[in-house]
Amino acid sequence: MAMSKYLSVYVNANDISGGANLIPADGVINVLQTSLTVVTINFRDAAAGFQTVALTHSALPAFVLATPEKSRAMRNLFADAIKQALSTGWTSPAYNLVVPAYPEIESAAGGDVSITAIAWS
């Protein structure tokens, strides 16, 4: 049996969901940028009591053909982090996801992007 892997994600919220959150990296079906402010991670089954996690973040720039990756930056960040988490050794069960500062990932307002909420369903 393989060691379970997790993303450690900091949520910048002033409620019970704020702070470090662990998100399973195992059993992920896909990672979607469902809006300019939400990344949704879908899991293979609901055995753990959830099938989806939605992460709300600062708004990204609107999609334009000249710079399509700006509107997909958070989706790409999560997909890459899941891949990194799954490739770590058994002594490293949690991979720390850090949202890069502006200008690597840019908010629609031109500053840093932060994760502001997490919802499990």
PDB file of N, CA and C in Angstrom:
ATOM      1  N   MET A   1       0.844  -1.178   0.000  1.00  0.00           N
ATOM      2  CA  MET A   1       0.000   0.000   0.000  1.00  0.00           C
ATOM      3  C   MET A   1       0.893   1.247   0.000  1.00  0.00           C
ATOM      4  N   ALA A   2       0.532   2.207  -0.815  1.00  0.00           N
ATOM      5  CA  ALA A   2       1.322   3.435  -0.942  1.00  0.00           C
ATOM      6  C   ALA A   2       1.004   4.409   0.191  1.00  0.00           C
ATOM      7  N   MET A   3       1.970   5.234   0.483  1.00  0.00           N
ATOM      8  CA  MET A   3       1.803   6.284   1.499  1.00  0.00           C
ATOM      9  C   MET A   3       0.891   7.373   0.953  1.00  0.00           C
ATOM     10  N   SER A   4      -0.074   7.818   1.738  1.00  0.00           N
ATOM     11  CA  SER A   4      -0.954   8.907   1.316  1.00  0.00           C
ATOM     12  C   SER A   4      -0.172  10.204   1.253  1.00  0.00           C
ATOM     13  N   LYS A   5      -0.522  11.038   0.294  1.00  0.00           N
ATOM     14  CA  LYS A   5       0.141  12.326   0.099  1.00  0.00           C
ATOM     15  C   LYS A   5      -0.893  13.445   0.194  1.00  0.00           C
ATOM     16  N   TYR A   6      -0.431  14.614   0.648  1.00  0.00           N
ATOM     17  CA  TYR A   6      -1.324  15.751   0.853  1.00  0.00           C
ATOM     18  C   TYR A   6      -0.672  17.043   0.384  1.00  0.00           C
ATOM     19  N   LEU A   7      -1.512  18.003   0.015  1.00  0.00           N
ATOM     20  CA  LEU A   7      -1.061  19.377  -0.193  1.00  0.00           C
ATOM     21  C   LEU A   7      -1.348  20.133   1.089  1.00  0.00           C
ATOM     22  N   SER A   8      -0.386  20.870   1.567  1.00  0.00           N
ATOM     23  CA  SER A   8      -0.611  21.763   2.699  1.00  0.00           C
ATOM     24  C   SER A   8      -0.840  23.150   2.103  1.00  0.00           C
ATOM     25  N   VAL A   9      -2.056  23.661   2.275  1.00  0.00           N
ATOM     26  CA  VAL A   9      -2.474  24.907   1.632  1.00  0.00           C
ATOM     27  C   VAL A   9      -2.873  25.907   2.709  1.00  0.00           C
ATOM     28  N   TYR A  10      -2.291  27.100   2.651  1.00  0.00           N
ATOM     29  CA  TYR A  10      -2.640  28.146   3.607  1.00  0.00           C
ATOM     30  C   TYR A  10      -3.833  28.933   3.074  1.00  0.00           C
ATOM     31  N   VAL A  11      -4.903  29.003   3.892  1.00  0.00           N
ATOM     32  CA  VAL A  11      -6.096  29.760   3.538  1.00  0.00           C
ATOM     33  C   VAL A  11      -6.108  31.026   4.387  1.00  0.00           C
ATOM     34  N   ASN A  12      -6.117  32.158   3.711  1.00  0.00           N
ATOM     35  CA  ASN A  12      -6.081  33.463   4.365  1.00  0.00           C
ATOM     36  C   ASN A  12      -7.514  33.907   4.684  1.00  0.00           C
ATOM     37  N   ALA A  13      -8.120  33.251   5.682  1.00  0.00           N
ATOM     38  CA  ALA A  13      -9.508  33.533   6.051  1.00  0.00           C
ATOM     39  C   ALA A  13      -9.592  33.831   7.542  1.00  0.00           C
ATOM     40  N   ASN A  14     -10.507  34.702   7.900  1.00  0.00           N
ATOM     41  CA  ASN A  14     -10.719  35.059   9.306  1.00  0.00           C
ATOM     42  C   ASN A  14     -11.856  34.243   9.906  1.00  0.00           C
ATOM     43  N   ASP A  15     -11.841  32.943   9.654  1.00  0.00           N
ATOM     44  CA  ASP A  15     -12.834  32.054  10.244  1.00  0.00           C
ATOM     45  C   ASP A  15     -12.167  30.708  10.526  1.00  0.00           C
ATOM     46  N   ILE A  16     -12.953  29.716  10.839  1.00  0.00           N
ATOM     47  CA  ILE A  16     -12.423  28.414  11.239  1.00  0.00           C
ATOM     48  C   ILE A  16     -11.616  27.744  10.133  1.00  0.00           C
ATOM     49  N   SER A  17     -11.863  28.108   8.857  1.00  0.00           N
ATOM     50  CA  SER A  17     -11.133  27.478   7.741  1.00  0.00           C
ATOM     51  C   SER A  17      -9.764  28.100   7.500  1.00  0.00           C
ATOM     52  N   GLY A  18      -9.463  29.209   8.183  1.00  0.00           N
ATOM     53  CA  GLY A  18      -8.190  29.885   7.969  1.00  0.00           C
ATOM     54  C   GLY A  18      -7.004  29.095   8.479  1.00  0.00           C
ATOM     55  N   GLY A  19      -5.835  29.386   7.916  1.00  0.00           N
ATOM     56  CA  GLY A  19      -4.610  28.704   8.311  1.00  0.00           C
ATOM     57  C   GLY A  19      -4.295  27.554   7.386  1.00  0.00           C
ATOM     58  N   ALA A  20      -3.447  26.639   7.865  1.00  0.00           N
ATOM     59  CA  ALA A  20      -3.020  25.512   7.039  1.00  0.00           C
ATOM     60  C   ALA A  20      -4.138  24.476   6.922  1.00  0.00           C
ATOM     61  N   ASN A  21      -4.377  24.002   5.723  1.00  0.00           N
ATOM     62  CA  ASN A  21      -5.357  22.958   5.435  1.00  0.00           C
ATOM     63  C   ASN A  21      -4.656  21.861   4.660  1.00  0.00           C
ATOM     64  N   LEU A  22      -4.980  20.603   4.956  1.00  0.00           N
ATOM     65  CA  LEU A  22      -4.435  19.478   4.204  1.00  0.00           C
ATOM     66  C   LEU A  22      -5.470  18.989   3.200  1.00  0.00           C
ATOM     67  N   ILE A  23      -5.041  18.889   1.942  1.00  0.00           N
ATOM     68  CA  ILE A  23      -5.900  18.408   0.867  1.00  0.00           C
ATOM     69  C   ILE A  23      -5.257  17.143   0.315  1.00  0.00           C
ATOM     70  N   PRO A  24      -6.003  16.038   0.219  1.00  0.00           N
ATOM     71  CA  PRO A  24      -5.411  14.820  -0.324  1.00  0.00           C
ATOM     72  C   PRO A  24      -4.927  15.026  -1.762  1.00  0.00           C
ATOM     73  N   ALA A  25      -3.753  14.494  -2.065  1.00  0.00           N
ATOM     74  CA  ALA A  25      -3.250  14.513  -3.441  1.00  0.00           C
ATOM     75  C   ALA A  25      -3.579  13.196  -4.133  1.00  0.00           C
ATOM     76  N   ASP A  26      -3.944  12.183  -3.356  1.00  0.00           N
ATOM     77  CA  ASP A  26      -4.300  10.869  -3.906  1.00  0.00           C
ATOM     78  C   ASP A  26      -5.735  10.901  -4.430  1.00  0.00           C
ATOM     79  N   GLY A  27      -5.989  10.189  -5.506  1.00  0.00           N
ATOM     80  CA  GLY A  27      -7.347  10.029  -6.004  1.00  0.00           C
ATOM     81  C   GLY A  27      -7.920  11.238  -6.710  1.00  0.00           C
ATOM     82  N   VAL A  28      -7.078  12.159  -7.134  1.00  0.00           N
ATOM     83  CA  VAL A  28      -7.570  13.341  -7.843  1.00  0.00           C
ATOM     84  C   VAL A  28      -7.908  12.959  -9.280  1.00  0.00           C
ATOM     85  N   ILE A  29      -9.106  13.316  -9.718  1.00  0.00           N
ATOM     86  CA  ILE A  29      -9.516  13.076 -11.107  1.00  0.00           C
ATOM     87  C   ILE A  29      -9.084  14.241 -11.986  1.00  0.00           C
ATOM     88  N   ASN A  30      -9.398  15.459 -11.530  1.00  0.00           N
ATOM     89  CA  ASN A  30      -9.022  16.635 -12.305  1.00  0.00           C
ATOM     90  C   ASN A  30      -8.971  17.871 -11.430  1.00  0.00           C
ATOM     91  N   VAL A  31      -8.333  18.895 -11.972  1.00  0.00           N
ATOM     92  CA  VAL A  31      -8.235  20.201 -11.335  1.00  0.00           C
ATOM     93  C   VAL A  31      -8.773  21.196 -12.348  1.00  0.00           C
ATOM     94  N   LEU A  32      -9.798  21.951 -11.953  1.00  0.00           N
ATOM     95  CA  LEU A  32     -10.456  22.872 -12.880  1.00  0.00           C
ATOM     96  C   LEU A  32     -10.416  24.299 -12.368  1.00  0.00           C
ATOM     97  N   GLN A  33     -10.213  25.242 -13.268  1.00  0.00           N
ATOM     98  CA  GLN A  33     -10.387  26.667 -12.948  1.00  0.00           C
ATOM     99  C   GLN A  33     -11.835  26.954 -13.311  1.00  0.00           C
ATOM    100  N   THR A  34     -12.737  26.846 -12.333  1.00  0.00           N
ATOM    101  CA  THR A  34     -14.170  26.931 -12.623  1.00  0.00           C
ATOM    102  C   THR A  34     -14.674  28.362 -12.759  1.00  0.00           C
ATOM    103  N   SER A  35     -13.887  29.319 -12.309  1.00  0.00           N
ATOM    104  CA  SER A  35     -14.184  30.740 -12.528  1.00  0.00           C
ATOM    105  C   SER A  35     -12.882  31.498 -12.320  1.00  0.00           C
ATOM    106  N   LEU A  36     -12.930  32.804 -12.453  1.00  0.00           N
ATOM    107  CA  LEU A  36     -11.722  33.604 -12.240  1.00  0.00           C
ATOM    108  C   LEU A  36     -11.324  33.649 -10.775  1.00  0.00           C
ATOM    109  N   THR A  37     -12.188  33.126  -9.882  1.00  0.00           N
ATOM    110  CA  THR A  37     -11.886  33.150  -8.449  1.00  0.00           C
ATOM    111  C   THR A  37     -11.930  31.781  -7.769  1.00  0.00           C
ATOM    112  N   VAL A  38     -12.160  30.702  -8.516  1.00  0.00           N
ATOM    113  CA  VAL A  38     -12.309  29.382  -7.880  1.00  0.00           C
ATOM    114  C   VAL A  38     -11.561  28.294  -8.655  1.00  0.00           C
ATOM    115  N   VAL A  39     -10.782  27.501  -7.909  1.00  0.00           N
ATOM    116  CA  VAL A  39     -10.195  26.261  -8.417  1.00  0.00           C
ATOM    117  C   VAL A  39     -10.939  25.125  -7.733  1.00  0.00           C
ATOM    118  N   THR A  40     -11.383  24.140  -8.527  1.00  0.00           N
ATOM    119  CA  THR A  40     -12.091  22.982  -7.995  1.00  0.00           C
ATOM    120  C   THR A  40     -11.272  21.731  -8.256  1.00  0.00           C
ATOM    121  N   ILE A  41     -11.082  20.941  -7.204  1.00  0.00           N
ATOM    122  CA  ILE A  41     -10.380  19.665  -7.312  1.00  0.00           C
ATOM    123  C   ILE A  41     -11.421  18.570  -7.101  1.00  0.00           C
ATOM    124  N   ASN A  42     -11.538  17.667  -8.074  1.00  0.00           N
ATOM    125  CA  ASN A  42     -12.494  16.561  -7.998  1.00  0.00           C
ATOM    126  C   ASN A  42     -11.744  15.270  -7.709  1.00  0.00           C
ATOM    127  N   PHE A  43     -12.325  14.456  -6.811  1.00  0.00           N
ATOM    128  CA  PHE A  43     -11.705  13.209  -6.384  1.00  0.00           C
ATOM    129  C   PHE A  43     -12.458  12.008  -6.940  1.00  0.00           C
ATOM    130  N   ARG A  44     -11.762  10.882  -6.993  1.00  0.00           N
ATOM    131  CA  ARG A  44     -12.278   9.651  -7.580  1.00  0.00           C
ATOM    132  C   ARG A  44     -13.534   9.142  -6.868  1.00  0.00           C
ATOM    133  N   ASP A  45     -13.565   9.179  -5.558  1.00  0.00           N
ATOM    134  CA  ASP A  45     -14.721   8.678  -4.823  1.00  0.00           C
ATOM    135  C   ASP A  45     -14.938   9.508  -3.569  1.00  0.00           C
ATOM    136  N   ALA A  46     -16.058   9.275  -2.935  1.00  0.00           N
ATOM    137  CA  ALA A  46     -16.413  10.043  -1.747  1.00  0.00           C
ATOM    138  C   ALA A  46     -16.211   9.230  -0.471  1.00  0.00           C
ATOM    139  N   ALA A  47     -15.283   8.283  -0.476  1.00  0.00           N
ATOM    140  CA  ALA A  47     -15.064   7.405   0.677  1.00  0.00           C
ATOM    141  C   ALA A  47     -14.699   8.181   1.934  1.00  0.00           C
ATOM    142  N   ALA A  48     -14.036   9.326   1.774  1.00  0.00           N
ATOM    143  CA  ALA A  48     -13.628  10.119   2.937  1.00  0.00           C
ATOM    144  C   ALA A  48     -14.703  11.118   3.348  1.00  0.00           C
ATOM    145  N   GLY A  49     -15.861  11.073   2.711  1.00  0.00           N
ATOM    146  CA  GLY A  49     -16.948  11.980   3.067  1.00  0.00           C
ATOM    147  C   GLY A  49     -17.001  13.229   2.198  1.00  0.00           C
ATOM    148  N   PHE A  50     -16.168  13.308   1.186  1.00  0.00           N
ATOM    149  CA  PHE A  50     -16.188  14.441   0.264  1.00  0.00           C
ATOM    150  C   PHE A  50     -15.755  13.954  -1.107  1.00  0.00           C
ATOM    151  N   GLN A  51     -16.150  14.684  -2.135  1.00  0.00           N
ATOM    152  CA  GLN A  51     -15.748  14.342  -3.482  1.00  0.00           C
ATOM    153  C   GLN A  51     -15.118  15.532  -4.205  1.00  0.00           C
ATOM    154  N   THR A  52     -15.319  16.716  -3.646  1.00  0.00           N
ATOM    155  CA  THR A  52     -14.842  17.938  -4.285  1.00  0.00           C
ATOM    156  C   THR A  52     -14.332  18.900  -3.225  1.00  0.00           C
ATOM    157  N   VAL A  53     -13.273  19.634  -3.570  1.00  0.00           N
ATOM    158  CA  VAL A  53     -12.842  20.756  -2.748  1.00  0.00           C
ATOM    159  C   VAL A  53     -12.755  21.963  -3.673  1.00  0.00           C
ATOM    160  N   ALA A  54     -13.366  23.063  -3.231  1.00  0.00           N
ATOM    161  CA  ALA A  54     -13.340  24.316  -4.000  1.00  0.00           C
ATOM    162  C   ALA A  54     -12.526  25.331  -3.207  1.00  0.00           C
ATOM    163  N   LEU A  55     -11.541  25.920  -3.860  1.00  0.00           N
ATOM    164  CA  LEU A  55     -10.675  26.916  -3.227  1.00  0.00           C
ATOM    165  C   LEU A  55     -10.926  28.263  -3.878  1.00  0.00           C
ATOM    166  N   THR A  56     -11.374  29.206  -3.079  1.00  0.00           N
ATOM    167  CA  THR A  56     -11.628  30.556  -3.576  1.00  0.00           C
ATOM    168  C   THR A  56     -10.360  31.373  -3.388  1.00  0.00           C
ATOM    169  N   HIS A  57     -10.039  32.171  -4.390  1.00  0.00           N
ATOM    170  CA  HIS A  57      -8.828  32.981  -4.353  1.00  0.00           C
ATOM    171  C   HIS A  57      -9.107  34.347  -4.951  1.00  0.00           C
ATOM    172  N   SER A  58      -8.135  35.238  -4.839  1.00  0.00           N
ATOM    173  CA  SER A  58      -8.240  36.554  -5.454  1.00  0.00           C
ATOM    174  C   SER A  58      -8.524  36.367  -6.942  1.00  0.00           C
ATOM    175  N   ALA A  59      -9.277  37.311  -7.516  1.00  0.00           N
ATOM    176  CA  ALA A  59      -9.643  37.213  -8.930  1.00  0.00           C
ATOM    177  C   ALA A  59      -8.414  37.269  -9.825  1.00  0.00           C
ATOM    178  N   LEU A  60      -8.416  36.391 -10.835  1.00  0.00           N
ATOM    179  CA  LEU A  60      -7.363  36.382 -11.842  1.00  0.00           C
ATOM    180  C   LEU A  60      -7.802  37.252 -13.025  1.00  0.00           C
ATOM    181  N   PRO A  61      -6.860  37.640 -13.897  1.00  0.00           N
ATOM    182  CA  PRO A  61      -7.243  38.401 -15.082  1.00  0.00           C
ATOM    183  C   PRO A  61      -8.188  37.592 -15.967  1.00  0.00           C
ATOM    184  N   ALA A  62      -9.078  38.281 -16.658  1.00  0.00           N
ATOM    185  CA  ALA A  62     -10.011  37.623 -17.577  1.00  0.00           C
ATOM    186  C   ALA A  62      -9.244  36.943 -18.700  1.00  0.00           C
ATOM    187  N   PHE A  63      -9.837  35.892 -19.265  1.00  0.00           N
ATOM    188  CA  PHE A  63      -9.206  35.149 -20.353  1.00  0.00           C
ATOM    189  C   PHE A  63      -9.098  36.019 -21.601  1.00  0.00           C
ATOM    190  N   VAL A  64      -7.908  36.079 -22.160  1.00  0.00           N
ATOM    191  CA  VAL A  64      -7.682  36.719 -23.461  1.00  0.00           C
ATOM    192  C   VAL A  64      -6.734  35.814 -24.232  1.00  0.00           C
ATOM    193  N   LEU A  65      -6.914  35.749 -25.540  1.00  0.00           N
ATOM    194  CA  LEU A  65      -6.103  34.852 -26.357  1.00  0.00           C
ATOM    195  C   LEU A  65      -4.615  35.153 -26.277  1.00  0.00           C
ATOM    196  N   ALA A  66      -4.249  36.408 -26.097  1.00  0.00           N
ATOM    197  CA  ALA A  66      -2.833  36.779 -26.059  1.00  0.00           C
ATOM    198  C   ALA A  66      -2.119  36.224 -24.821  1.00  0.00           C
ATOM    199  N   THR A  67      -2.825  36.122 -23.705  1.00  0.00           N
ATOM    200  CA  THR A  67      -2.224  35.653 -22.454  1.00  0.00           C
ATOM    201  C   THR A  67      -3.159  34.675 -21.736  1.00  0.00           C
ATOM    202  N   PRO A  68      -3.461  33.525 -22.341  1.00  0.00           N
ATOM    203  CA  PRO A  68      -4.438  32.608 -21.743  1.00  0.00           C
ATOM    204  C   PRO A  68      -4.005  32.028 -20.404  1.00  0.00           C
ATOM    205  N   GLU A  69      -2.700  31.863 -20.184  1.00  0.00           N
ATOM    206  CA  GLU A  69      -2.231  31.229 -18.952  1.00  0.00           C
ATOM    207  C   GLU A  69      -2.446  32.096 -17.716  1.00  0.00           C
ATOM    208  N   LYS A  70      -2.608  33.400 -17.878  1.00  0.00           N
ATOM    209  CA  LYS A  70      -2.866  34.254 -16.712  1.00  0.00           C
ATOM    210  C   LYS A  70      -4.175  33.874 -16.032  1.00  0.00           C
ATOM    211  N   SER A  71      -5.193  33.508 -16.824  1.00  0.00           N
ATOM    212  CA  SER A  71      -6.483  33.143 -16.243  1.00  0.00           C
ATOM    213  C   SER A  71      -6.513  31.694 -15.752  1.00  0.00           C
ATOM    214  N   ARG A  72      -5.482  30.930 -16.072  1.00  0.00           N
ATOM    215  CA  ARG A  72      -5.383  29.523 -15.644  1.00  0.00           C
ATOM    216  C   ARG A  72      -4.275  29.303 -14.620  1.00  0.00           C
ATOM    217  N   ALA A  73      -3.681  30.355 -14.133  1.00  0.00           N
ATOM    218  CA  ALA A  73      -2.477  30.238 -13.294  1.00  0.00           C
ATOM    219  C   ALA A  73      -2.703  29.432 -12.023  1.00  0.00           C
ATOM    220  N   MET A  74      -3.811  29.629 -11.348  1.00  0.00           N
ATOM    221  CA  MET A  74      -4.033  28.891 -10.103  1.00  0.00           C
ATOM    222  C   MET A  74      -4.327  27.420 -10.377  1.00  0.00           C
ATOM    223  N   ARG A  75      -5.079  27.120 -11.434  1.00  0.00           N
ATOM    224  CA  ARG A  75      -5.310  25.720 -11.806  1.00  0.00           C
ATOM    225  C   ARG A  75      -3.976  25.033 -12.068  1.00  0.00           C
ATOM    226  N   ASN A  76      -3.118  25.691 -12.834  1.00  0.00           N
ATOM    227  CA  ASN A  76      -1.810  25.109 -13.151  1.00  0.00           C
ATOM    228  C   ASN A  76      -0.961  24.934 -11.897  1.00  0.00           C
ATOM    229  N   LEU A  77      -1.031  25.905 -10.982  1.00  0.00           N
ATOM    230  CA  LEU A  77      -0.288  25.806  -9.729  1.00  0.00           C
ATOM    231  C   LEU A  77      -0.719  24.571  -8.931  1.00  0.00           C
ATOM    232  N   PHE A  78      -2.032  24.362  -8.785  1.00  0.00           N
ATOM    233  CA  PHE A  78      -2.524  23.208  -8.033  1.00  0.00           C
ATOM    234  C   PHE A  78      -2.201  21.894  -8.734  1.00  0.00           C
ATOM    235  N   ALA A  79      -2.363  21.835 -10.052  1.00  0.00           N
ATOM    236  CA  ALA A  79      -2.055  20.608 -10.790  1.00  0.00           C
ATOM    237  C   ALA A  79      -0.573  20.257 -10.647  1.00  0.00           C
ATOM    238  N   ASP A  80       0.298  21.240 -10.772  1.00  0.00           N
ATOM    239  CA  ASP A  80       1.734  20.991 -10.617  1.00  0.00           C
ATOM    240  C   ASP A  80       2.077  20.573  -9.186  1.00  0.00           C
ATOM    241  N   ALA A  81       1.433  21.197  -8.200  1.00  0.00           N
ATOM    242  CA  ALA A  81       1.704  20.854  -6.793  1.00  0.00           C
ATOM    243  C   ALA A  81       1.258  19.431  -6.479  1.00  0.00           C
ATOM    244  N   ILE A  82       0.135  19.001  -7.042  1.00  0.00           N
ATOM    245  CA  ILE A  82      -0.327  17.624  -6.829  1.00  0.00           C
ATOM    246  C   ILE A  82       0.688  16.654  -7.413  1.00  0.00           C
ATOM    247  N   LYS A  83       1.164  16.950  -8.604  1.00  0.00           N
ATOM    248  CA  LYS A  83       2.183  16.099  -9.233  1.00  0.00           C
ATOM    249  C   LYS A  83       3.446  16.045  -8.365  1.00  0.00           C
ATOM    250  N   GLN A  84       3.868  17.185  -7.831  1.00  0.00           N
ATOM    251  CA  GLN A  84       5.060  17.217  -6.958  1.00  0.00           C
ATOM    252  C   GLN A  84       4.815  16.436  -5.671  1.00  0.00           C
ATOM    253  N   ALA A  85       3.633  16.609  -5.075  1.00  0.00           N
ATOM    254  CA  ALA A  85       3.320  15.899  -3.832  1.00  0.00           C
ATOM    255  C   ALA A  85       3.373  14.391  -4.037  1.00  0.00           C
ATOM    256  N   LEU A  86       2.831  13.922  -5.144  1.00  0.00           N
ATOM    257  CA  LEU A  86       2.806  12.481  -5.411  1.00  0.00           C
ATOM    258  C   LEU A  86       4.185  11.909  -5.728  1.00  0.00           C
ATOM    259  N   SER A  87       5.126  12.768  -6.097  1.00  0.00           N
ATOM    260  CA  SER A  87       6.465  12.285  -6.437  1.00  0.00           C
ATOM    261  C   SER A  87       7.448  12.352  -5.268  1.00  0.00           C
ATOM    262  N   THR A  88       7.004  12.842  -4.101  1.00  0.00           N
ATOM    263  CA  THR A  88       7.901  12.918  -2.952  1.00  0.00           C
ATOM    264  C   THR A  88       8.047  11.549  -2.293  1.00  0.00           C
ATOM    265  N   GLY A  89       9.089  11.397  -1.522  1.00  0.00           N
ATOM    266  CA  GLY A  89       9.353  10.144  -0.823  1.00  0.00           C
ATOM    267  C   GLY A  89       8.356   9.883   0.301  1.00  0.00           C
ATOM    268  N   TRP A  90       8.384   8.661   0.823  1.00  0.00           N
ATOM    269  CA  TRP A  90       7.418   8.256   1.837  1.00  0.00           C
ATOM    270  C   TRP A  90       7.576   9.018   3.150  1.00  0.00           C
ATOM    271  N   THR A  91       8.735   9.635   3.387  1.00  0.00           N
ATOM    272  CA  THR A  91       8.943  10.383   4.624  1.00  0.00           C
ATOM    273  C   THR A  91       8.424  11.818   4.525  1.00  0.00           C
ATOM    274  N   SER A  92       7.866  12.187   3.379  1.00  0.00           N
ATOM    275  CA  SER A  92       7.332  13.542   3.165  1.00  0.00           C
ATOM    276  C   SER A  92       5.878  13.454   2.726  1.00  0.00           C
ATOM    277  N   PRO A  93       4.961  13.229   3.663  1.00  0.00           N
ATOM    278  CA  PRO A  93       3.556  13.045   3.269  1.00  0.00           C
ATOM    279  C   PRO A  93       2.837  14.336   2.867  1.00  0.00           C
ATOM    280  N   ALA A  94       3.350  15.497   3.278  1.00  0.00           N
ATOM    281  CA  ALA A  94       2.687  16.765   2.940  1.00  0.00           C
ATOM    282  C   ALA A  94       3.620  17.633   2.111  1.00  0.00           C
ATOM    283  N   TYR A  95       3.064  18.160   1.017  1.00  0.00           N
ATOM    284  CA  TYR A  95       3.804  19.066   0.137  1.00  0.00           C
ATOM    285  C   TYR A  95       3.247  20.465   0.360  1.00  0.00           C
ATOM    286  N   ASN A  96       4.119  21.405   0.691  1.00  0.00           N
ATOM    287  CA  ASN A  96       3.699  22.766   1.000  1.00  0.00           C
ATOM    288  C   ASN A  96       3.465  23.561  -0.287  1.00  0.00           C
ATOM    289  N   LEU A  97       2.211  23.893  -0.562  1.00  0.00           N
ATOM    290  CA  LEU A  97       1.875  24.697  -1.728  1.00  0.00           C
ATOM    291  C   LEU A  97       1.998  26.168  -1.356  1.00  0.00           C
ATOM    292  N   VAL A  98       2.832  26.876  -2.083  1.00  0.00           N
ATOM    293  CA  VAL A  98       3.023  28.306  -1.850  1.00  0.00           C
ATOM    294  C   VAL A  98       2.585  29.046  -3.102  1.00  0.00           C
ATOM    295  N   VAL A  99       1.687  30.005  -2.949  1.00  0.00           N
ATOM    296  CA  VAL A  99       1.241  30.816  -4.089  1.00  0.00           C
ATOM    297  C   VAL A  99       2.340  31.835  -4.379  1.00  0.00           C
ATOM    298  N   PRO A 100       2.923  31.770  -5.579  1.00  0.00           N
ATOM    299  CA  PRO A 100       3.999  32.711  -5.912  1.00  0.00           C
ATOM    300  C   PRO A 100       3.508  34.154  -5.909  1.00  0.00           C
ATOM    301  N   ALA A 101       4.407  35.051  -5.596  1.00  0.00           N
ATOM    302  CA  ALA A 101       4.064  36.475  -5.548  1.00  0.00           C
ATOM    303  C   ALA A 101       3.969  37.054  -6.955  1.00  0.00           C
ATOM    304  N   TYR A 102       3.323  38.207  -7.038  1.00  0.00           N
ATOM    305  CA  TYR A 102       3.261  38.969  -8.280  1.00  0.00           C
ATOM    306  C   TYR A 102       4.686  39.252  -8.730  1.00  0.00           C
ATOM    307  N   PRO A 103       5.049  39.176  -9.972  1.00  0.00           N
ATOM    308  CA  PRO A 103       4.214  39.042 -11.158  1.00  0.00           C
ATOM    309  C   PRO A 103       4.045  37.617 -11.656  1.00  0.00           C
ATOM    310  N   GLU A 104       4.617  36.620 -10.965  1.00  0.00           N
ATOM    311  CA  GLU A 104       4.499  35.246 -11.467  1.00  0.00           C
ATOM    312  C   GLU A 104       3.036  34.817 -11.581  1.00  0.00           C
ATOM    313  N   ILE A 105       2.264  35.043 -10.528  1.00  0.00           N
ATOM    314  CA  ILE A 105       0.809  34.888 -10.600  1.00  0.00           C
ATOM    315  C   ILE A 105       0.237  36.239 -10.210  1.00  0.00           C
ATOM    316  N   GLU A 106      -0.543  36.798 -11.119  1.00  0.00           N
ATOM    317  CA  GLU A 106      -1.029  38.164 -10.963  1.00  0.00           C
ATOM    318  C   GLU A 106      -2.540  38.187 -10.775  1.00  0.00           C
ATOM    319  N   SER A 107      -3.003  38.950  -9.805  1.00  0.00           N
ATOM    320  CA  SER A 107      -4.442  39.115  -9.628  1.00  0.00           C
ATOM    321  C   SER A 107      -4.974  40.098 -10.667  1.00  0.00           C
ATOM    322  N   ALA A 108      -6.281  40.110 -10.826  1.00  0.00           N
ATOM    323  CA  ALA A 108      -6.909  41.045 -11.762  1.00  0.00           C
ATOM    324  C   ALA A 108      -6.607  42.481 -11.366  1.00  0.00           C
ATOM    325  N   ALA A 109      -6.425  42.714 -10.067  1.00  0.00           N
ATOM    326  CA  ALA A 109      -6.129  44.059  -9.570  1.00  0.00           C
ATOM    327  C   ALA A 109      -4.646  44.414  -9.727  1.00  0.00           C
ATOM    328  N   GLY A 110      -3.826  43.429 -10.113  1.00  0.00           N
ATOM    329  CA  GLY A 110      -2.417  43.691 -10.349  1.00  0.00           C
ATOM    330  C   GLY A 110      -1.485  43.342  -9.204  1.00  0.00           C
ATOM    331  N   GLY A 111      -1.991  42.796  -8.117  1.00  0.00           N
ATOM    332  CA  GLY A 111      -1.136  42.448  -6.982  1.00  0.00           C
ATOM    333  C   GLY A 111      -1.050  40.956  -6.773  1.00  0.00           C
ATOM    334  N   ASP A 112      -0.713  40.572  -5.542  1.00  0.00           N
ATOM    335  CA  ASP A 112      -0.585  39.160  -5.191  1.00  0.00           C
ATOM    336  C   ASP A 112      -1.942  38.464  -5.150  1.00  0.00           C
ATOM    337  N   VAL A 113      -1.919  37.157  -5.369  1.00  0.00           N
ATOM    338  CA  VAL A 113      -3.110  36.318  -5.268  1.00  0.00           C
ATOM    339  C   VAL A 113      -3.017  35.546  -3.956  1.00  0.00           C
ATOM    340  N   SER A 114      -4.127  35.463  -3.227  1.00  0.00           N
ATOM    341  CA  SER A 114      -4.155  34.632  -2.024  1.00  0.00           C
ATOM    342  C   SER A 114      -5.406  33.779  -2.031  1.00  0.00           C
ATOM    343  N   ILE A 115      -5.323  32.648  -1.333  1.00  0.00           N
ATOM    344  CA  ILE A 115      -6.473  31.741  -1.195  1.00  0.00           C
ATOM    345  C   ILE A 115      -7.277  32.246  -0.004  1.00  0.00           C
ATOM    346  N   THR A 116      -8.554  32.502  -0.223  1.00  0.00           N
ATOM    347  CA  THR A 116      -9.371  33.150   0.797  1.00  0.00           C
ATOM    348  C   THR A 116     -10.435  32.254   1.427  1.00  0.00           C
ATOM    349  N   ALA A 117     -10.718  31.108   0.808  1.00  0.00           N
ATOM    350  CA  ALA A 117     -11.734  30.204   1.378  1.00  0.00           C
ATOM    351  C   ALA A 117     -11.536  28.809   0.816  1.00  0.00           C
ATOM    352  N   ILE A 118     -12.033  27.821   1.584  1.00  0.00           N
ATOM    353  CA  ILE A 118     -12.003  26.418   1.145  1.00  0.00           C
ATOM    354  C   ILE A 118     -13.351  25.812   1.503  1.00  0.00           C
ATOM    355  N   ALA A 119     -13.900  25.015   0.584  1.00  0.00           N
ATOM    356  CA  ALA A 119     -15.194  24.365   0.816  1.00  0.00           C
ATOM    357  C   ALA A 119     -15.120  22.923   0.338  1.00  0.00           C
ATOM    358  N   TRP A 120     -15.525  22.001   1.208  1.00  0.00           N
ATOM    359  CA  TRP A 120     -15.516  20.569   0.888  1.00  0.00           C
ATOM    360  C   TRP A 120     -16.952  20.123   0.621  1.00  0.00           C
ATOM    361  N   SER A 121     -17.136  19.285  -0.374  1.00  0.00           N
ATOM    362  CA  SER A 121     -18.475  18.744  -0.618  1.00  0.00           C
ATOM    363  C   SER A 121     -18.379  17.362  -1.232  1.00  0.00           C
TER     364      SER A 121
END
